[in-house]
Protein backbone atom coordinates (compact mmCIF):
# COMPACT_ATOMS: atom_id res chain seq x y z
CA MET A 1 -20.13 0.53 -12.24
CA PRO A 2 -18.25 0.92 -8.96
CA ARG A 3 -14.47 1.05 -8.95
CA ARG A 4 -13.27 -1.83 -6.83
CA ILE A 5 -9.57 -0.97 -7.15
CA LYS A 6 -7.93 2.32 -6.20
CA THR A 7 -4.41 3.73 -6.48
CA GLY A 8 -2.24 2.36 -3.68
CA ASP A 9 -4.18 -0.91 -3.23
CA GLN A 10 -2.33 -4.21 -2.91
CA VAL A 11 -3.54 -6.53 -5.68
CA VAL A 12 -2.93 -10.09 -6.88
CA VAL A 13 -2.60 -10.90 -10.59
CA ILE A 14 -5.07 -13.69 -11.41
CA ALA A 15 -4.31 -14.17 -15.14
CA GLY A 16 -1.41 -13.79 -17.54
CA ALA A 17 2.34 -14.24 -17.39
CA ASP A 18 2.62 -12.75 -13.88
CA LYS A 19 -0.24 -14.85 -12.41
CA GLY A 20 0.04 -15.23 -8.63
CA ARG A 21 2.31 -12.21 -8.10
CA THR A 22 1.31 -9.29 -5.92
CA GLY A 23 2.02 -5.59 -6.20
CA ARG A 24 0.81 -2.07 -5.44
CA VAL A 25 -1.36 -0.17 -7.92
CA LEU A 26 0.58 2.83 -9.22
CA ARG A 27 -1.94 4.22 -11.72
CA LEU A 28 -5.48 3.67 -12.96
CA LEU A 29 -6.24 4.19 -16.64
CA VAL A 30 -10.00 4.53 -16.23
CA ASP A 31 -10.85 5.19 -19.90
CA LYS A 32 -9.06 1.99 -20.98
CA ASP A 33 -9.99 -0.19 -17.95
CA ARG A 34 -6.33 -0.85 -17.18
CA VAL A 35 -4.06 -0.58 -14.14
CA VAL A 36 -0.31 -0.20 -13.75
CA VAL A 37 0.96 -2.46 -10.95
CA GLU A 38 4.42 -2.09 -9.41
CA GLY A 39 6.78 -4.83 -10.65
CA ILE A 40 4.14 -6.50 -12.88
CA ASN A 41 4.21 -6.73 -16.71
CA ARG A 42 7.73 -5.29 -17.00
CA VAL A 43 8.66 -4.36 -20.57
CA TRP A 44 11.78 -2.97 -22.23
CA LYS A 45 11.46 0.49 -23.79
CA HIS A 46 14.09 1.65 -26.26
CA VAL A 47 14.88 5.34 -25.74
CA ARG A 48 16.82 7.77 -27.87
CA PRO A 49 19.50 9.92 -26.29
CA SER A 50 17.95 12.98 -24.62
CA GLN A 51 18.62 15.26 -21.67
CA ARG A 52 16.89 12.78 -19.39
CA TYR A 53 18.71 9.74 -20.88
CA PRO A 54 22.00 11.08 -22.28
CA GLN A 55 23.20 7.60 -23.26
CA GLY A 56 19.88 6.38 -24.63
CA GLY A 57 19.52 2.60 -24.64
CA ARG A 58 16.93 0.36 -22.99
CA ILE A 59 14.96 0.99 -19.83
CA GLN A 60 12.50 -1.29 -18.04
CA LYS A 61 9.06 0.00 -17.12
CA ASP A 62 5.75 -1.33 -15.81
CA ALA A 63 3.14 -1.67 -18.58
CA PRO A 64 -0.60 -1.55 -17.93
CA ILE A 65 -2.68 -4.74 -17.60
CA HIS A 66 -6.44 -5.11 -17.80
CA ILE A 67 -8.30 -4.44 -14.56
CA SER A 68 -10.13 -7.78 -14.84
CA ASN A 69 -6.80 -9.61 -14.42
CA VAL A 70 -6.23 -8.32 -10.90
CA MET A 71 -8.07 -8.79 -7.58
CA PRO A 72 -7.66 -6.88 -4.34
CA LEU A 73 -5.55 -8.57 -1.66
CA ASP A 74 -7.31 -9.26 1.65
CA PRO A 75 -4.98 -7.86 4.33
CA SER A 76 -6.08 -10.37 6.96
CA THR A 77 -5.77 -13.59 4.92
CA HIS A 78 -3.25 -12.43 2.25
CA LYS A 79 -5.43 -14.01 -0.46
CA PRO A 80 -7.34 -12.44 -3.36
CA THR A 81 -10.88 -11.45 -2.46
CA ARG A 82 -14.04 -10.05 -4.00
CA LEU A 83 -15.43 -6.82 -2.58
CA ARG A 84 -18.82 -5.69 -1.41
CA PHE A 85 -19.89 -2.20 -0.47
CA GLU A 86 -21.55 -1.11 2.77
CA VAL A 87 -22.72 2.26 3.98
CA ARG A 88 -21.64 2.95 7.57
CA ASP A 89 -22.54 6.27 9.20
CA GLY A 90 -23.36 7.73 5.79
CA VAL A 91 -19.96 6.80 4.29
CA LYS A 92 -19.52 4.06 1.68
CA HIS A 93 -16.85 1.45 2.56
CA ARG A 94 -15.18 -1.34 0.59
CA ILE A 95 -15.42 -4.65 2.47
CA ALA A 96 -13.53 -7.89 1.71
CA ALA A 97 -16.23 -10.49 0.92
CA ALA A 98 -14.46 -13.46 2.50
CA SER A 99 -13.27 -12.04 5.83
CA GLY A 100 -15.30 -8.84 6.27
CA THR A 101 -12.17 -6.69 6.59
CA ASP A 102 -12.68 -2.99 5.80
CA LEU A 103 -10.47 -1.94 2.86
CA GLY A 104 -11.21 1.77 3.09
CA VAL A 105 -13.65 4.45 2.12
CA VAL A 106 -14.88 4.76 -1.44
CA GLY A 107 -13.97 8.06 -3.11
CA LYS A 108 -10.91 8.90 -0.97
CA LYS A 109 -7.29 8.26 -1.85
């Protein structure tokens, strides 16, 4: 199954508590079909005192959400869009279904 979302993509959350919000994909958890999106699904993590956190306490971090709950953002219309794939000059490209905007080459970061 083709990966429609890559690290660094702008995405829109289409389900859940953060529905309608946009953010940049920080990480893909391929084995669990989840993504970490900047500023989305923020949770509190309680940490013990350590060298990194000498005081300990609570920190906020972005938790993963399921990949089916996000859609790529079309850069020309600023709306969520489905993707299709086209081969141009022997290179596979991701294309926004609604507007036809090229979202980049498949397989490159």
